[in-house]
Amino acid sequence: MRRIINYIVLIICFSTNVYAQNDSAVNVPPAVVEDDQYITPGILILRRNIHHSFRIINGHGTPTLDKKQLEFCIQHRFGLLSSGYEGAWGLDQSNIRIGLDYGLNRNITIGVGRSGLGKTSNGYIKWGIVKPNGINQYATSLTWLSDMAYVFEKNTSGLTPYYNTHRINYTHQLLISRNFSIGGRHMFMLQLAPTLVHRNLVATSDDANDVPLLVGNVRYRINDHIHLTGEFVQVFNKQITQNSKPAAGIGLEFWTAGHAFQFTFNNANALNEFRYMTGDNGSFGKGDIRLGFNIVRRW
């Protein structure tokens, strides 16, 4: 109960802070969006929203696809850089996830994917509860995400009987993001996501099935086509027997008319939500860093 109260207080405090800053951009005319000009000192509305990509390193952002819009994403993570020349600094190893996302309407997106690690398939639904319009892009975005993952790999736990329900894991997130102006330009996005991961099967009786987390993401806009990104996952439940470090990473993102190329350095090998958030991630201090990339194509 204490953890739930802490989450509620965090959400209220963040939402109160961001909504208090909305009024200055509410009445900006549509022409400003097209011309990318100043309407009043300190207010600039860009032609393109800086947090329009689906993925930020590993996790989701708040955007949803437009109606009938389709997005195809390939995510790739190499092995550890600390493997040295014998392991080609991680290039000999790889984990890949292929995903397909579709917009049912402007506010609801569904998606499916398959990851090689654990032979895991997942499906999710994403609901854009609050979305900023083209004029007031300083408004807060609020999105709900529910994901279900099914592990197809053979039972290695030694548990008998081993049911299909043991293979299922759930992730629920409330994604909250907001754009900020730096030096009069609309260049910075901050996102917080209170998260609950439920694992039907855990490693030991000392592990918790329900794991509360907080995921934080940032995106810094260099220009319309190049962004810097960052991600950090903080686990609040100490009942995880794996010596896991918080998932963290930085990235560089390049946008073209129909593609996005995201290059990342992070300490997580997994690509499914429940795995990279609660898995056995490496330590940056020991060089447990993985080079990775995401390739996104949108129609």
C-alpha atoms as a PDB file:
ATOM      1  CA  MET A   1       0.000   0.000   0.000  1.00  0.00           C
ATOM      2  CA  ARG A   2       2.859   2.372   0.811  1.00  0.00           C
ATOM      3  CA  ARG A   3       4.321   1.876  -2.683  1.00  0.00           C
ATOM      4  CA  ILE A   4       0.954   2.600  -4.309  1.00  0.00           C
ATOM      5  CA  ILE A   5       0.600   5.831  -2.303  1.00  0.00           C
ATOM      6  CA  ASN A   6       4.118   6.880  -3.304  1.00  0.00           C
ATOM      7  CA  TYR A   7       3.243   6.342  -6.992  1.00  0.00           C
ATOM      8  CA  ILE A   8       0.067   8.436  -6.692  1.00  0.00           C
ATOM      9  CA  VAL A   9       1.928  11.286  -4.985  1.00  0.00           C
ATOM     10  CA  LEU A  10       4.648  11.183  -7.666  1.00  0.00           C
ATOM     11  CA  ILE A  11       2.124  11.357 -10.507  1.00  0.00           C
ATOM     12  CA  ILE A  12       0.188  14.221  -8.882  1.00  0.00           C
ATOM     13  CA  CYS A  13       3.331  16.247  -8.218  1.00  0.00           C
ATOM     14  CA  PHE A  14       4.636  15.788 -11.770  1.00  0.00           C
ATOM     15  CA  SER A  15       1.280  16.533 -13.399  1.00  0.00           C
ATOM     16  CA  THR A  16       0.722  19.627 -11.238  1.00  0.00           C
ATOM     17  CA  ASN A  17       4.114  21.010 -12.158  1.00  0.00           C
ATOM     18  CA  VAL A  18       3.720  20.495 -15.903  1.00  0.00           C
ATOM     19  CA  TYR A  19       0.142  21.719 -16.235  1.00  0.00           C
ATOM     20  CA  ALA A  20       1.010  24.909 -14.400  1.00  0.00           C
ATOM     21  CA  GLN A  21       3.198  25.902 -17.353  1.00  0.00           C
ATOM     22  CA  ASN A  22       0.719  25.317 -20.205  1.00  0.00           C
ATOM     23  CA  ASP A  23      -1.079  28.670 -20.412  1.00  0.00           C
ATOM     24  CA  SER A  24       1.588  30.560 -22.320  1.00  0.00           C
ATOM     25  CA  ALA A  25       1.230  28.487 -25.491  1.00  0.00           C
ATOM     26  CA  VAL A  26      -2.522  27.844 -25.616  1.00  0.00           C
ATOM     27  CA  ASN A  27      -3.463  30.686 -27.967  1.00  0.00           C
ATOM     28  CA  VAL A  28      -0.648  30.392 -30.498  1.00  0.00           C
ATOM     29  CA  PRO A  29      -2.165  30.507 -34.032  1.00  0.00           C
ATOM     30  CA  PRO A  30      -1.751  27.570 -36.438  1.00  0.00           C
ATOM     31  CA  ALA A  31       0.459  29.644 -38.738  1.00  0.00           C
ATOM     32  CA  VAL A  32       3.205  29.548 -36.158  1.00  0.00           C
ATOM     33  CA  VAL A  33       3.395  25.755 -36.486  1.00  0.00           C
ATOM     34  CA  GLU A  34       3.931  26.000 -40.241  1.00  0.00           C
ATOM     35  CA  ASP A  35       6.317  28.966 -40.307  1.00  0.00           C
ATOM     36  CA  ASP A  36       8.360  28.036 -37.227  1.00  0.00           C
ATOM     37  CA  GLN A  37       8.438  31.682 -36.115  1.00  0.00           C
ATOM     38  CA  TYR A  38       8.330  33.434 -32.760  1.00  0.00           C
ATOM     39  CA  ILE A  39       4.915  34.720 -31.742  1.00  0.00           C
ATOM     40  CA  THR A  40       5.969  36.100 -28.352  1.00  0.00           C
ATOM     41  CA  PRO A  41       9.388  36.222 -26.683  1.00  0.00           C
ATOM     42  CA  GLY A  42      10.422  32.838 -25.347  1.00  0.00           C
ATOM     43  CA  ILE A  43       7.743  30.830 -27.199  1.00  0.00           C
ATOM     44  CA  LEU A  44       8.539  28.829 -30.304  1.00  0.00           C
ATOM     45  CA  ILE A  45       6.382  26.098 -31.791  1.00  0.00           C
ATOM     46  CA  LEU A  46       8.202  23.727 -34.101  1.00  0.00           C
ATOM     47  CA  ARG A  47       6.938  22.096 -37.267  1.00  0.00           C
ATOM     48  CA  ARG A  48       7.738  18.679 -35.794  1.00  0.00           C
ATOM     49  CA  ASN A  49       7.094  17.339 -32.331  1.00  0.00           C
ATOM     50  CA  ILE A  50      10.352  16.193 -30.716  1.00  0.00           C
ATOM     51  CA  HIS A  51       8.886  13.094 -29.063  1.00  0.00           C
ATOM     52  CA  HIS A  52       7.301  11.440 -32.070  1.00  0.00           C
ATOM     53  CA  SER A  53       9.207   8.136 -32.122  1.00  0.00           C
ATOM     54  CA  PHE A  54       7.766   5.009 -30.543  1.00  0.00           C
ATOM     55  CA  ARG A  55      10.909   3.757 -28.820  1.00  0.00           C
ATOM     56  CA  ILE A  56      13.358   5.597 -26.582  1.00  0.00           C
ATOM     57  CA  ILE A  57      16.373   3.238 -26.247  1.00  0.00           C
ATOM     58  CA  ASN A  58      14.362   0.144 -25.135  1.00  0.00           C
ATOM     59  CA  GLY A  59      11.080   1.485 -23.762  1.00  0.00           C
ATOM     60  CA  HIS A  60       8.024   3.124 -25.252  1.00  0.00           C
ATOM     61  CA  GLY A  61       7.375   6.829 -25.627  1.00  0.00           C
ATOM     62  CA  THR A  62       3.947   8.439 -25.261  1.00  0.00           C
ATOM     63  CA  PRO A  63       3.096   8.827 -28.999  1.00  0.00           C
ATOM     64  CA  THR A  64       0.506   6.627 -30.683  1.00  0.00           C
ATOM     65  CA  LEU A  65       0.135   6.059 -34.412  1.00  0.00           C
ATOM     66  CA  ASP A  66      -2.481   7.773 -36.531  1.00  0.00           C
ATOM     67  CA  LYS A  67      -5.435   5.773 -37.835  1.00  0.00           C
ATOM     68  CA  LYS A  68      -4.341   2.992 -40.237  1.00  0.00           C
ATOM     69  CA  GLN A  69      -0.695   3.987 -39.834  1.00  0.00           C
ATOM     70  CA  LEU A  70       1.769   1.093 -39.739  1.00  0.00           C
ATOM     71  CA  GLU A  71       5.229   0.932 -38.180  1.00  0.00           C
ATOM     72  CA  PHE A  72       7.849  -1.792 -38.554  1.00  0.00           C
ATOM     73  CA  CYS A  73      10.730  -1.889 -36.080  1.00  0.00           C
ATOM     74  CA  ILE A  74      13.902  -3.988 -35.892  1.00  0.00           C
ATOM     75  CA  GLN A  75      15.793  -3.795 -32.604  1.00  0.00           C
ATOM     76  CA  HIS A  76      19.282  -5.285 -32.326  1.00  0.00           C
ATOM     77  CA  ARG A  77      21.613  -5.614 -29.327  1.00  0.00           C
ATOM     78  CA  PHE A  78      25.182  -6.906 -29.548  1.00  0.00           C
ATOM     79  CA  GLY A  79      27.196  -8.566 -26.787  1.00  0.00           C
ATOM     80  CA  LEU A  80      29.340  -6.904 -24.127  1.00  0.00           C
ATOM     81  CA  LEU A  81      32.059  -4.482 -25.145  1.00  0.00           C
ATOM     82  CA  SER A  82      34.068  -5.920 -22.245  1.00  0.00           C
ATOM     83  CA  SER A  83      34.393  -9.220 -24.173  1.00  0.00           C
ATOM     84  CA  GLY A  84      37.426  -7.633 -25.835  1.00  0.00           C
ATOM     85  CA  TYR A  85      39.056  -8.577 -29.097  1.00  0.00           C
ATOM     86  CA  GLU A  86      38.336 -12.293 -28.604  1.00  0.00           C
ATOM     87  CA  GLY A  87      34.623 -11.585 -28.728  1.00  0.00           C
ATOM     88  CA  ALA A  88      35.005  -8.769 -31.275  1.00  0.00           C
ATOM     89  CA  TRP A  89      33.844  -6.387 -28.563  1.00  0.00           C
ATOM     90  CA  GLY A  90      30.391  -7.973 -28.586  1.00  0.00           C
ATOM     91  CA  LEU A  91      29.860  -8.214 -32.347  1.00  0.00           C
ATOM     92  CA  ASP A  92      29.893 -12.029 -32.215  1.00  0.00           C
ATOM     93  CA  GLN A  93      26.689 -12.050 -30.151  1.00  0.00           C
ATOM     94  CA  SER A  94      23.275 -10.620 -30.885  1.00  0.00           C
ATOM     95  CA  ASN A  95      19.702 -10.414 -29.699  1.00  0.00           C
ATOM     96  CA  ILE A  96      17.021  -9.239 -32.111  1.00  0.00           C
ATOM     97  CA  ARG A  97      13.401  -8.206 -31.755  1.00  0.00           C
ATOM     98  CA  ILE A  98      11.107  -7.613 -34.741  1.00  0.00           C
ATOM     99  CA  GLY A  99       7.905  -5.685 -34.094  1.00  0.00           C
ATOM    100  CA  LEU A 100       4.878  -4.464 -36.022  1.00  0.00           C
ATOM    101  CA  ASP A 101       2.576  -1.693 -34.754  1.00  0.00           C
ATOM    102  CA  TYR A 102      -0.750  -0.472 -36.152  1.00  0.00           C
ATOM    103  CA  GLY A 103      -2.962   2.505 -35.354  1.00  0.00           C
ATOM    104  CA  LEU A 104      -6.595   1.515 -34.859  1.00  0.00           C
ATOM    105  CA  ASN A 105      -7.396   5.209 -34.522  1.00  0.00           C
ATOM    106  CA  ARG A 106      -5.576   8.351 -33.444  1.00  0.00           C
ATOM    107  CA  ASN A 107      -5.581   7.332 -29.789  1.00  0.00           C
ATOM    108  CA  ILE A 108      -5.245   3.520 -29.793  1.00  0.00           C
ATOM    109  CA  THR A 109      -2.293   1.561 -31.155  1.00  0.00           C
ATOM    110  CA  ILE A 110      -1.766  -2.195 -31.021  1.00  0.00           C
ATOM    111  CA  GLY A 111       1.468  -4.084 -31.610  1.00  0.00           C
ATOM    112  CA  VAL A 112       3.080  -7.520 -31.716  1.00  0.00           C
ATOM    113  CA  GLY A 113       6.697  -8.626 -31.662  1.00  0.00           C
ATOM    114  CA  ARG A 114       9.127 -11.519 -31.404  1.00  0.00           C
ATOM    115  CA  SER A 115      12.454 -11.554 -29.566  1.00  0.00           C
ATOM    116  CA  GLY A 116      15.175 -14.179 -29.802  1.00  0.00           C
ATOM    117  CA  LEU A 117      16.045 -14.026 -26.106  1.00  0.00           C
ATOM    118  CA  GLY A 118      13.817 -16.591 -24.395  1.00  0.00           C
ATOM    119  CA  LYS A 119      12.016 -17.072 -27.715  1.00  0.00           C
ATOM    120  CA  THR A 120       9.549 -14.490 -26.476  1.00  0.00           C
ATOM    121  CA  SER A 121       6.494 -13.134 -28.309  1.00  0.00           C
ATOM    122  CA  ASN A 122       4.522 -10.185 -27.044  1.00  0.00           C
ATOM    123  CA  GLY A 123       1.425  -8.167 -27.820  1.00  0.00           C
ATOM    124  CA  TYR A 124       0.363  -4.830 -26.419  1.00  0.00           C
ATOM    125  CA  ILE A 125      -2.238  -2.106 -26.543  1.00  0.00           C
ATOM    126  CA  LYS A 126      -1.397   1.559 -26.152  1.00  0.00           C
ATOM    127  CA  TRP A 127      -4.008   4.214 -25.358  1.00  0.00           C
ATOM    128  CA  GLY A 128      -3.230   7.900 -25.809  1.00  0.00           C
ATOM    129  CA  ILE A 129      -5.327   9.402 -23.011  1.00  0.00           C
ATOM    130  CA  VAL A 130      -4.095  12.998 -23.445  1.00  0.00           C
ATOM    131  CA  LYS A 131      -2.293  14.118 -26.599  1.00  0.00           C
ATOM    132  CA  PRO A 132      -1.015  17.647 -27.360  1.00  0.00           C
ATOM    133  CA  ASN A 133      -2.401  19.238 -30.513  1.00  0.00           C
ATOM    134  CA  GLY A 134      -0.338  20.897 -33.218  1.00  0.00           C
ATOM    135  CA  ILE A 135      -0.554  24.303 -31.552  1.00  0.00           C
ATOM    136  CA  ASN A 136       0.062  23.633 -27.866  1.00  0.00           C
ATOM    137  CA  GLN A 137       2.937  21.190 -28.013  1.00  0.00           C
ATOM    138  CA  TYR A 138       4.074  22.185 -24.523  1.00  0.00           C
ATOM    139  CA  ALA A 139       1.088  20.331 -23.078  1.00  0.00           C
ATOM    140  CA  THR A 140       1.504  17.109 -21.133  1.00  0.00           C
ATOM    141  CA  SER A 141       1.029  13.784 -22.930  1.00  0.00           C
ATOM    142  CA  LEU A 142      -0.515  10.903 -21.017  1.00  0.00           C
ATOM    143  CA  THR A 143      -0.553   7.331 -22.397  1.00  0.00           C
ATOM    144  CA  TRP A 144      -1.433   3.930 -20.935  1.00  0.00           C
ATOM    145  CA  LEU A 145       0.440   0.797 -22.069  1.00  0.00           C
ATOM    146  CA  SER A 146      -0.435  -2.841 -21.299  1.00  0.00           C
ATOM    147  CA  ASP A 147       1.848  -5.586 -22.614  1.00  0.00           C
ATOM    148  CA  MET A 148       1.632  -9.379 -22.384  1.00  0.00           C
ATOM    149  CA  ALA A 149       4.657 -11.540 -23.200  1.00  0.00           C
ATOM    150  CA  TYR A 150       4.714 -15.313 -23.736  1.00  0.00           C
ATOM    151  CA  VAL A 151       7.985 -17.267 -23.350  1.00  0.00           C
ATOM    152  CA  PHE A 152       8.268 -20.175 -25.827  1.00  0.00           C
ATOM    153  CA  GLU A 153      11.643 -21.575 -24.763  1.00  0.00           C
ATOM    154  CA  LYS A 154      11.785 -24.994 -23.116  1.00  0.00           C
ATOM    155  CA  ASN A 155      11.208 -25.268 -19.386  1.00  0.00           C
ATOM    156  CA  THR A 156      14.610 -24.969 -17.714  1.00  0.00           C
ATOM    157  CA  SER A 157      13.307 -24.165 -14.240  1.00  0.00           C
ATOM    158  CA  GLY A 158      12.852 -27.788 -13.176  1.00  0.00           C
ATOM    159  CA  LEU A 159       9.330 -26.950 -12.032  1.00  0.00           C
ATOM    160  CA  THR A 160       6.712 -29.671 -12.439  1.00  0.00           C
ATOM    161  CA  PRO A 161       3.981 -29.461 -13.414  1.00  0.00           C
ATOM    162  CA  TYR A 162       4.829 -26.608 -15.758  1.00  0.00           C
ATOM    163  CA  TYR A 163       1.724 -24.850 -17.094  1.00  0.00           C
ATOM    164  CA  ASN A 164       1.273 -22.449 -19.987  1.00  0.00           C
ATOM    165  CA  THR A 165       0.400 -19.730 -17.484  1.00  0.00           C
ATOM    166  CA  HIS A 166       3.958 -19.972 -16.125  1.00  0.00           C
ATOM    167  CA  ARG A 167       5.170 -18.639 -19.478  1.00  0.00           C
ATOM    168  CA  ILE A 168       3.184 -15.395 -19.292  1.00  0.00           C
ATOM    169  CA  ASN A 169       4.419 -12.013 -18.035  1.00  0.00           C
ATOM    170  CA  TYR A 170       2.640  -8.640 -17.903  1.00  0.00           C
ATOM    171  CA  THR A 171       3.792  -5.027 -17.971  1.00  0.00           C
ATOM    172  CA  HIS A 172       1.568  -2.012 -17.254  1.00  0.00           C
ATOM    173  CA  GLN A 173       2.787   1.575 -17.621  1.00  0.00           C
ATOM    174  CA  LEU A 174       1.421   5.082 -17.266  1.00  0.00           C
ATOM    175  CA  LEU A 175       3.604   7.160 -19.614  1.00  0.00           C
ATOM    176  CA  ILE A 176       3.748  10.891 -18.794  1.00  0.00           C
ATOM    177  CA  SER A 177       5.792  13.217 -21.004  1.00  0.00           C
ATOM    178  CA  ARG A 178       6.184  16.920 -21.612  1.00  0.00           C
ATOM    179  CA  ASN A 179       8.205  19.152 -23.935  1.00  0.00           C
ATOM    180  CA  PHE A 180      10.243  22.031 -22.542  1.00  0.00           C
ATOM    181  CA  SER A 181      11.869  25.081 -24.086  1.00  0.00           C
ATOM    182  CA  ILE A 182      15.567  25.729 -23.635  1.00  0.00           C
ATOM    183  CA  GLY A 183      16.768  29.202 -24.567  1.00  0.00           C
ATOM    184  CA  GLY A 184      13.508  30.000 -26.329  1.00  0.00           C
ATOM    185  CA  ARG A 185      13.588  26.839 -28.445  1.00  0.00           C
ATOM    186  CA  HIS A 186      11.429  23.748 -28.105  1.00  0.00           C
ATOM    187  CA  MET A 187      14.257  21.267 -27.631  1.00  0.00           C
ATOM    188  CA  PHE A 188      13.842  18.998 -24.606  1.00  0.00           C
ATOM    189  CA  MET A 189      11.421  16.189 -23.662  1.00  0.00           C
ATOM    190  CA  LEU A 190      11.120  14.561 -20.246  1.00  0.00           C
ATOM    191  CA  GLN A 191       9.116  11.383 -19.628  1.00  0.00           C
ATOM    192  CA  LEU A 192       8.304   9.509 -16.436  1.00  0.00           C
ATOM    193  CA  ALA A 193       6.511   6.159 -16.389  1.00  0.00           C
ATOM    194  CA  PRO A 194       5.287   4.512 -13.166  1.00  0.00           C
ATOM    195  CA  THR A 195       5.359   0.812 -14.069  1.00  0.00           C
ATOM    196  CA  LEU A 196       4.231  -2.521 -12.670  1.00  0.00           C
ATOM    197  CA  VAL A 197       5.738  -5.781 -13.978  1.00  0.00           C
ATOM    198  CA  HIS A 198       4.010  -9.051 -13.059  1.00  0.00           C
ATOM    199  CA  ARG A 199       5.888 -12.312 -13.632  1.00  0.00           C
ATOM    200  CA  ASN A 200       3.830 -15.484 -13.313  1.00  0.00           C
ATOM    201  CA  LEU A 201       6.964 -17.558 -12.716  1.00  0.00           C
ATOM    202  CA  VAL A 202       9.973 -16.283 -10.756  1.00  0.00           C
ATOM    203  CA  ALA A 203      13.395 -17.811 -10.125  1.00  0.00           C
ATOM    204  CA  THR A 204      13.008 -18.548  -6.393  1.00  0.00           C
ATOM    205  CA  SER A 205      10.423 -18.320  -3.645  1.00  0.00           C
ATOM    206  CA  ASP A 206      12.263 -15.196  -2.419  1.00  0.00           C
ATOM    207  CA  ASP A 207      11.517 -13.346  -5.659  1.00  0.00           C
ATOM    208  CA  ALA A 208       8.455 -11.132  -5.937  1.00  0.00           C
ATOM    209  CA  ASN A 209       5.930 -11.711  -8.706  1.00  0.00           C
ATOM    210  CA  ASP A 210       4.935  -8.023  -8.732  1.00  0.00           C
ATOM    211  CA  VAL A 211       7.757  -5.543  -9.274  1.00  0.00           C
ATOM    212  CA  PRO A 212       7.030  -1.771  -9.164  1.00  0.00           C
ATOM    213  CA  LEU A 213       9.406   0.448 -11.124  1.00  0.00           C
ATOM    214  CA  LEU A 214       9.879   3.977 -12.344  1.00  0.00           C
ATOM    215  CA  VAL A 215      11.172   4.507 -15.889  1.00  0.00           C
ATOM    216  CA  GLY A 216      12.636   7.855 -16.905  1.00  0.00           C
ATOM    217  CA  ASN A 217      13.427   9.010 -20.447  1.00  0.00           C
ATOM    218  CA  VAL A 218      14.808  12.182 -21.987  1.00  0.00           C
ATOM    219  CA  ARG A 219      15.131  13.402 -25.555  1.00  0.00           C
ATOM    220  CA  TYR A 220      17.183  16.431 -26.590  1.00  0.00           C
ATOM    221  CA  ARG A 221      16.497  17.878 -30.027  1.00  0.00           C
ATOM    222  CA  ILE A 222      19.627  19.001 -31.866  1.00  0.00           C
ATOM    223  CA  ASN A 223      17.583  19.716 -35.002  1.00  0.00           C
ATOM    224  CA  ASP A 224      14.546  18.250 -36.780  1.00  0.00           C
ATOM    225  CA  HIS A 225      16.470  15.143 -37.790  1.00  0.00           C
ATOM    226  CA  ILE A 226      18.948  14.446 -34.969  1.00  0.00           C
ATOM    227  CA  HIS A 227      18.092  13.771 -31.313  1.00  0.00           C
ATOM    228  CA  LEU A 228      20.000  12.641 -28.236  1.00  0.00           C
ATOM    229  CA  THR A 229      18.128  10.173 -25.994  1.00  0.00           C
ATOM    230  CA  GLY A 230      18.502   8.641 -22.549  1.00  0.00           C
ATOM    231  CA  GLU A 231      16.771   6.023 -20.399  1.00  0.00           C
ATOM    232  CA  PHE A 232      16.939   4.844 -16.777  1.00  0.00           C
ATOM    233  CA  VAL A 233      14.898   2.216 -14.896  1.00  0.00           C
ATOM    234  CA  GLN A 234      14.683   2.234 -11.093  1.00  0.00           C
ATOM    235  CA  VAL A 235      13.385  -0.918  -9.387  1.00  0.00           C
ATOM    236  CA  PHE A 236      11.678  -0.329  -6.019  1.00  0.00           C
ATOM    237  CA  ASN A 237      11.046  -3.931  -5.025  1.00  0.00           C
ATOM    238  CA  LYS A 238      14.143  -5.475  -3.413  1.00  0.00           C
ATOM    239  CA  GLN A 239      12.800  -9.026  -3.771  1.00  0.00           C
ATOM    240  CA  ILE A 240      14.777  -9.837  -6.910  1.00  0.00           C
ATOM    241  CA  THR A 241      17.490 -12.409  -6.232  1.00  0.00           C
ATOM    242  CA  GLN A 242      19.414 -11.645  -9.420  1.00  0.00           C
ATOM    243  CA  ASN A 243      22.279  -9.221  -8.882  1.00  0.00           C
ATOM    244  CA  SER A 244      20.631  -6.866 -11.348  1.00  0.00           C
ATOM    245  CA  LYS A 245      21.704  -3.307 -12.033  1.00  0.00           C
ATOM    246  CA  PRO A 246      19.163  -0.669 -13.137  1.00  0.00           C
ATOM    247  CA  ALA A 247      18.698  -0.683 -16.895  1.00  0.00           C
ATOM    248  CA  ALA A 248      20.202   2.478 -18.392  1.00  0.00           C
ATOM    249  CA  GLY A 249      21.316   3.731 -21.769  1.00  0.00           C
ATOM    250  CA  ILE A 250      22.051   6.653 -24.060  1.00  0.00           C
ATOM    251  CA  GLY A 251      21.337   6.956 -27.759  1.00  0.00           C
ATOM    252  CA  LEU A 252      21.632   9.019 -30.925  1.00  0.00           C
ATOM    253  CA  GLU A 253      18.615   9.192 -33.226  1.00  0.00           C
ATOM    254  CA  PHE A 254      18.507  10.130 -36.933  1.00  0.00           C
ATOM    255  CA  TRP A 255      15.182  10.822 -38.675  1.00  0.00           C
ATOM    256  CA  THR A 256      14.452  10.808 -42.415  1.00  0.00           C
ATOM    257  CA  ALA A 257      11.117  11.171 -44.220  1.00  0.00           C
ATOM    258  CA  GLY A 258      10.070   7.571 -43.525  1.00  0.00           C
ATOM    259  CA  HIS A 259      12.800   5.986 -41.420  1.00  0.00           C
ATOM    260  CA  ALA A 260      14.410   6.413 -38.036  1.00  0.00           C
ATOM    261  CA  PHE A 261      17.845   5.060 -37.115  1.00  0.00           C
ATOM    262  CA  GLN A 262      18.589   4.871 -33.398  1.00  0.00           C
ATOM    263  CA  PHE A 263      22.083   3.943 -32.169  1.00  0.00           C
ATOM    264  CA  THR A 264      22.346   3.040 -28.498  1.00  0.00           C
ATOM    265  CA  PHE A 265      24.760   2.163 -25.703  1.00  0.00           C
ATOM    266  CA  ASN A 266      23.052   0.387 -22.800  1.00  0.00           C
ATOM    267  CA  ASN A 267      23.586  -2.326 -20.203  1.00  0.00           C
ATOM    268  CA  ALA A 268      20.495  -4.456 -20.994  1.00  0.00           C
ATOM    269  CA  ASN A 269      20.551  -7.397 -23.391  1.00  0.00           C
ATOM    270  CA  ALA A 270      16.791  -8.043 -23.311  1.00  0.00           C
ATOM    271  CA  LEU A 271      14.300  -6.142 -25.457  1.00  0.00           C
ATOM    272  CA  ASN A 272      10.941  -7.159 -23.972  1.00  0.00           C
ATOM    273  CA  GLU A 273       9.672  -4.865 -21.224  1.00  0.00           C
ATOM    274  CA  PHE A 274       9.496  -7.385 -18.395  1.00  0.00           C
ATOM    275  CA  ARG A 275      12.991  -8.725 -19.161  1.00  0.00           C
ATOM    276  CA  TYR A 276      15.059  -5.579 -19.513  1.00  0.00           C
ATOM    277  CA  MET A 277      13.347  -3.925 -16.547  1.00  0.00           C
ATOM    278  CA  THR A 278      13.854  -6.805 -14.095  1.00  0.00           C
ATOM    279  CA  GLY A 279      16.608  -8.847 -15.737  1.00  0.00           C
ATOM    280  CA  ASP A 280      20.258  -9.402 -14.929  1.00  0.00           C
ATOM    281  CA  ASN A 281      21.662  -6.200 -16.425  1.00  0.00           C
ATOM    282  CA  GLY A 282      25.358  -5.368 -16.517  1.00  0.00           C
ATOM    283  CA  SER A 283      27.386  -2.770 -14.648  1.00  0.00           C
ATOM    284  CA  PHE A 284      28.625   0.297 -16.526  1.00  0.00           C
ATOM    285  CA  GLY A 285      31.584   0.532 -14.148  1.00  0.00           C
ATOM    286  CA  LYS A 286      32.770  -2.924 -15.255  1.00  0.00           C
ATOM    287  CA  GLY A 287      32.337  -2.208 -18.940  1.00  0.00           C
ATOM    288  CA  ASP A 288      29.152  -4.254 -19.276  1.00  0.00           C
ATOM    289  CA  ILE A 289      27.916  -2.038 -22.101  1.00  0.00           C
ATOM    290  CA  ARG A 290      26.227  -3.185 -25.306  1.00  0.00           C
ATOM    291  CA  LEU A 291      26.136  -1.457 -28.632  1.00  0.00           C
ATOM    292  CA  GLY A 292      22.715  -1.620 -30.267  1.00  0.00           C
ATOM    293  CA  PHE A 293      20.468  -0.061 -32.842  1.00  0.00           C
ATOM    294  CA  ASN A 294      16.790   0.299 -33.765  1.00  0.00           C
ATOM    295  CA  ILE A 295      15.581   0.709 -37.343  1.00  0.00           C
ATOM    296  CA  VAL A 296      12.061   2.059 -37.741  1.00  0.00           C
ATOM    297  CA  ARG A 297      10.007   2.289 -40.934  1.00  0.00           C
ATOM    298  CA  ARG A 298       6.626   4.000 -40.872  1.00  0.00           C
ATOM    299  CA  TRP A 299       3.859   4.041 -43.519  1.00  0.00           C
END
